[in-house]
Amino acid sequence: MQATERKHGLTLQQKATLAPLLTRLELPSRLRSDVVVWLARLEPLSLPQLAAAGLSSDELATARRSRDEHRATSRALLRFVLGRALGHPPHRLQFASGTRGKPFLVTPRSGQHYQFSVSHSQDRGLIALSPTGVTVGVDVEHVSDFDEIEEVAELLLPAGARRELRDAADATLRLDVFYRHWTRLEAVAKLSGMGLGTIAQPRDRYVRITELTPEPGLVAALAAAQHAEGAVGRSEGQAALKNRSR
């Protein structure tokens, strides 16, 4: 019965449950042909709903153990977005991780050039997808003050950002400066698969960073690196797949 209900690889139940949780964001014209970004409402889903969404047995086991219900919904939405883009059943998507931990698609082969990145903060998430092979990294944060903001900035933000933070005229501007630079840094880290401690600032001139404001109270950034013409080389996922086939 389920197979007869499928359209473009998705069941009616998947579309009814997951599609309303996604809102496509407007991007600058220079990115629109290569990257799509969705804002995701990470409403808690029951285990039967997660199973129907196509989560693997390992993902379902993790969802049972975890107290982070939003992460499981984020995973379900990633499978939904990729399945819809590829016309492939979400439960048949297979993932692997590169040496730096950045995930990539193994199955179907038609989607191995797709690049994606996911981030979530509390009950909101972002999913970035590039069907043209542009490597992407995305980060989203709820804006809230915390006591260690100066210490975190001193440890991880580049010198220019720290100066801008010290010069902020008031608390509101201070938070805006911190989260704007923090999300930029996180987005680049997710693009490369490297940890924050190894990236002091986005140095690669081929990486373009776009600041996003998905909704009030959220700050986000998208990092995109074009691999065409050998600009920054083959993505880690593509390189890993090539090594597997040897």
Protein backbone atom coordinates (compact mmCIF):
# COMPACT_ATOMS: atom_id res chain seq x y z
CA MET A 1 0.00 0.00 0.00
CA GLN A 2 2.79 2.36 0.94
CA ALA A 3 4.43 1.99 -2.46
CA THR A 4 1.26 3.04 -4.29
CA GLU A 5 1.08 6.17 -2.15
CA ARG A 6 4.54 7.28 -3.11
CA LYS A 7 5.16 10.29 -5.29
CA HIS A 8 8.71 11.45 -6.05
CA GLY A 9 9.98 8.92 -3.51
CA LEU A 10 7.79 10.21 -0.65
CA THR A 11 4.68 8.82 1.00
CA LEU A 12 1.60 10.92 1.65
CA GLN A 13 2.21 10.54 5.38
CA GLN A 14 5.75 11.87 5.09
CA LYS A 15 4.58 14.87 3.12
CA ALA A 16 1.70 15.58 5.49
CA THR A 17 3.88 15.33 8.60
CA LEU A 18 7.13 16.95 7.48
CA ALA A 19 6.47 19.43 4.66
CA PRO A 20 4.58 21.90 6.94
CA LEU A 21 7.65 22.11 9.20
CA LEU A 22 9.84 23.59 6.45
CA THR A 23 10.06 27.16 5.13
CA ARG A 24 12.36 27.97 2.23
CA LEU A 25 14.50 31.04 2.86
CA GLU A 26 15.24 33.75 0.33
CA LEU A 27 18.92 33.83 -0.66
CA PRO A 28 20.98 36.35 -2.63
CA SER A 29 20.72 35.92 -6.39
CA ARG A 30 24.35 34.76 -6.66
CA LEU A 31 23.47 31.64 -4.61
CA ARG A 32 19.97 30.75 -5.80
CA SER A 33 21.02 28.45 -8.63
CA ASP A 34 23.36 26.44 -6.39
CA VAL A 35 22.04 26.41 -2.82
CA VAL A 36 18.67 26.08 -1.09
CA VAL A 37 18.18 26.72 2.63
CA TRP A 38 15.15 25.77 4.70
CA LEU A 39 14.16 26.96 8.15
CA ALA A 40 12.85 23.97 10.09
CA ARG A 41 10.41 23.94 13.00
CA LEU A 42 11.69 21.04 15.08
CA GLU A 43 8.49 19.85 16.66
CA PRO A 44 8.86 16.62 18.66
CA LEU A 45 7.80 13.55 16.69
CA SER A 46 6.78 10.22 18.16
CA LEU A 47 8.87 7.12 17.47
CA PRO A 48 6.23 5.78 15.04
CA GLN A 49 6.31 9.11 13.20
CA LEU A 50 10.11 9.03 13.08
CA ALA A 51 10.03 5.47 11.75
CA ALA A 52 7.48 6.48 9.11
CA ALA A 53 9.72 9.43 8.20
CA GLY A 54 12.42 6.95 7.21
CA LEU A 55 14.91 7.04 10.07
CA SER A 56 17.28 4.08 10.12
CA SER A 57 17.31 1.56 12.98
CA ASP A 58 20.46 3.22 14.38
CA GLU A 59 18.85 6.66 14.19
CA LEU A 60 15.72 5.37 15.93
CA ALA A 61 17.83 3.76 18.65
CA THR A 62 19.61 7.08 19.18
CA ALA A 63 16.25 8.87 19.34
CA ARG A 64 15.05 6.46 22.04
CA ARG A 65 18.13 7.12 24.18
CA SER A 66 18.40 10.86 23.61
CA ARG A 67 16.60 13.60 25.49
CA ASP A 68 17.09 15.89 22.50
CA GLU A 69 13.83 15.40 20.60
CA HIS A 70 14.70 18.24 18.24
CA ARG A 71 17.73 16.42 16.84
CA ALA A 72 15.64 13.42 15.76
CA THR A 73 13.17 15.71 13.97
CA SER A 74 16.09 17.46 12.30
CA ARG A 75 17.35 14.11 11.00
CA ALA A 76 13.90 13.20 9.71
CA LEU A 77 13.66 16.53 7.88
CA LEU A 78 17.09 16.08 6.33
CA ARG A 79 16.01 12.71 4.94
CA PHE A 80 12.77 14.29 3.70
CA VAL A 81 14.55 17.17 1.94
CA LEU A 82 17.10 14.90 0.29
CA GLY A 83 14.48 12.29 -0.65
CA ARG A 84 12.26 14.93 -2.21
CA ALA A 85 15.15 16.46 -4.16
CA LEU A 86 16.33 13.08 -5.46
CA GLY A 87 12.95 11.40 -5.93
CA HIS A 88 14.24 8.66 -3.64
CA PRO A 89 12.55 7.06 -0.59
CA PRO A 90 14.03 8.68 2.55
CA HIS A 91 14.51 5.36 4.33
CA ARG A 92 16.76 4.14 1.51
CA LEU A 93 19.21 7.02 1.81
CA GLN A 94 22.56 5.90 3.19
CA PHE A 95 25.12 8.21 4.75
CA ALA A 96 28.78 8.00 5.64
CA SER A 97 31.27 10.39 7.24
CA GLY A 98 34.58 11.66 5.92
CA THR A 99 37.79 11.61 7.93
CA ARG A 100 36.86 14.94 9.52
CA GLY A 101 33.36 13.75 10.40
CA LYS A 102 31.46 15.66 7.71
CA PRO A 103 28.54 13.48 6.51
CA PHE A 104 27.82 12.76 2.86
CA LEU A 105 25.43 10.63 0.82
CA VAL A 106 26.50 7.15 -0.31
CA THR A 107 23.16 5.92 -1.66
CA PRO A 108 21.67 6.68 -4.13
CA ARG A 109 24.61 7.16 -6.47
CA SER A 110 22.67 9.90 -8.25
CA GLY A 111 22.91 11.98 -5.07
CA GLN A 112 26.58 11.50 -4.27
CA HIS A 113 27.44 14.95 -5.57
CA TYR A 114 24.77 16.59 -3.40
CA GLN A 115 26.23 18.66 -0.57
CA PHE A 116 24.30 19.45 2.61
CA SER A 117 24.66 20.86 6.10
CA VAL A 118 22.35 20.90 9.11
CA SER A 119 22.27 23.00 12.25
CA HIS A 120 19.77 23.32 15.06
CA SER A 121 19.29 25.53 18.08
CA GLN A 122 16.53 24.53 20.48
CA ASP A 123 13.35 24.11 18.40
CA ARG A 124 14.62 25.69 15.20
CA GLY A 125 16.97 24.33 12.58
CA LEU A 126 18.45 25.10 9.19
CA ILE A 127 19.05 22.68 6.34
CA ALA A 128 21.28 23.78 3.45
CA LEU A 129 21.37 21.73 0.27
CA SER A 130 23.38 22.11 -2.92
CA PRO A 131 22.43 19.82 -5.82
CA THR A 132 25.27 21.29 -7.91
CA GLY A 133 28.13 20.14 -5.67
CA VAL A 134 28.87 23.40 -3.86
CA THR A 135 30.17 22.49 -0.41
CA VAL A 136 28.07 24.19 2.26
CA GLY A 137 28.10 24.78 5.99
CA VAL A 138 25.31 26.37 7.98
CA ASP A 139 24.79 27.47 11.57
CA VAL A 140 21.81 28.93 13.45
CA GLU A 141 21.63 30.24 17.00
CA HIS A 142 18.97 31.63 19.32
CA VAL A 143 20.21 34.98 20.60
CA SER A 144 20.58 34.94 24.37
CA ASP A 145 23.08 36.45 26.76
CA PHE A 146 25.40 34.34 28.88
CA ASP A 147 28.10 35.09 31.45
CA GLU A 148 31.06 33.61 29.55
CA ILE A 149 30.60 35.57 26.33
CA GLU A 150 33.91 37.44 26.74
CA GLU A 151 35.84 34.26 27.52
CA VAL A 152 34.39 32.42 24.52
CA ALA A 153 35.13 35.37 22.25
CA GLU A 154 38.71 35.57 23.52
CA LEU A 155 39.27 31.87 22.87
CA LEU A 156 37.63 31.45 19.49
CA LEU A 157 36.76 34.68 17.69
CA PRO A 158 39.29 36.46 15.45
CA ALA A 159 40.92 39.68 16.63
CA GLY A 160 38.70 41.95 14.54
CA ALA A 161 35.56 40.42 16.03
CA ARG A 162 36.92 40.80 19.55
CA ARG A 163 37.63 44.48 18.93
CA GLU A 164 34.12 44.96 17.52
CA LEU A 165 32.70 43.26 20.61
CA ARG A 166 34.66 45.52 22.98
CA ASP A 167 33.55 48.61 21.06
CA ALA A 168 29.83 47.68 21.08
CA ALA A 169 27.80 50.62 22.39
CA ASP A 170 25.22 48.59 24.34
CA ALA A 171 24.25 45.06 25.36
CA THR A 172 21.95 44.52 22.37
CA LEU A 173 24.66 45.46 19.86
CA ARG A 174 27.15 43.35 21.80
CA LEU A 175 24.98 40.25 21.40
CA ASP A 176 24.44 40.99 17.72
CA VAL A 177 28.19 41.28 17.15
CA PHE A 178 28.96 38.08 19.04
CA TYR A 179 26.35 35.88 17.35
CA ARG A 180 27.02 37.31 13.91
CA HIS A 181 30.69 36.37 14.14
CA TRP A 182 30.00 33.11 15.99
CA THR A 183 27.61 31.78 13.34
CA ARG A 184 30.02 32.75 10.58
CA LEU A 185 32.78 30.80 12.31
CA GLU A 186 30.54 27.77 12.92
CA ALA A 187 29.32 27.76 9.32
CA VAL A 188 32.89 27.66 8.00
CA ALA A 189 33.78 24.91 10.50
CA LYS A 190 30.83 22.83 9.28
CA LEU A 191 31.72 23.45 5.66
CA SER A 192 35.23 22.14 6.18
CA GLY A 193 34.43 19.46 8.75
CA MET A 194 37.13 20.91 11.01
CA GLY A 195 36.63 21.84 14.64
CA LEU A 196 36.22 25.41 15.83
CA GLY A 197 39.57 25.34 17.58
CA THR A 198 41.38 24.88 14.26
CA ILE A 199 39.66 27.78 12.48
CA ALA A 200 40.43 31.27 13.72
CA GLN A 201 38.71 32.95 10.79
CA PRO A 202 37.45 32.10 7.30
CA ARG A 203 40.65 32.61 5.31
CA ASP A 204 39.72 30.86 2.07
CA ARG A 205 38.95 33.49 -0.54
CA TYR A 206 36.72 30.98 -2.34
CA VAL A 207 34.41 30.63 0.67
CA ARG A 208 31.48 33.03 0.60
CA ILE A 209 29.62 33.71 3.83
CA THR A 210 26.04 34.95 3.81
CA GLU A 211 24.45 36.23 7.00
CA LEU A 212 20.84 35.11 7.49
CA THR A 213 18.01 36.21 9.78
CA PRO A 214 15.51 33.34 9.47
CA GLU A 215 13.08 34.85 12.00
CA PRO A 216 13.21 37.29 14.95
CA GLY A 217 15.49 36.06 17.71
CA LEU A 218 17.59 33.89 15.41
CA VAL A 219 20.96 34.62 13.83
CA ALA A 220 22.41 32.34 11.16
CA ALA A 221 25.13 32.10 8.55
CA LEU A 222 25.68 30.10 5.38
CA ALA A 223 29.18 29.31 4.09
CA ALA A 224 29.48 28.12 0.50
CA ALA A 225 32.61 27.07 -1.42
CA GLN A 226 32.49 26.57 -5.16
CA HIS A 227 34.55 23.54 -6.25
CA ALA A 228 34.16 24.17 -9.97
CA GLU A 229 37.35 24.91 -11.92
CA GLY A 230 39.37 23.38 -9.06
CA ALA A 231 38.83 26.41 -6.85
CA VAL A 232 39.17 24.57 -3.55
CA GLY A 233 39.39 21.01 -4.79
CA ARG A 234 37.16 17.97 -4.42
CA SER A 235 34.82 17.78 -1.43
CA GLU A 236 35.80 15.38 1.32
CA GLY A 237 32.77 13.20 0.67
CA GLN A 238 33.53 12.87 -3.02
CA ALA A 239 37.17 12.08 -2.25
CA ALA A 240 36.11 9.41 0.25
CA LEU A 241 33.81 7.81 -2.31
CA LYS A 242 36.60 7.75 -4.86
CA ASN A 243 38.89 6.03 -2.35
CA ARG A 244 36.20 3.46 -1.56
CA SER A 245 35.90 2.49 -5.22
CA ARG A 246 39.61 1.74 -5.57
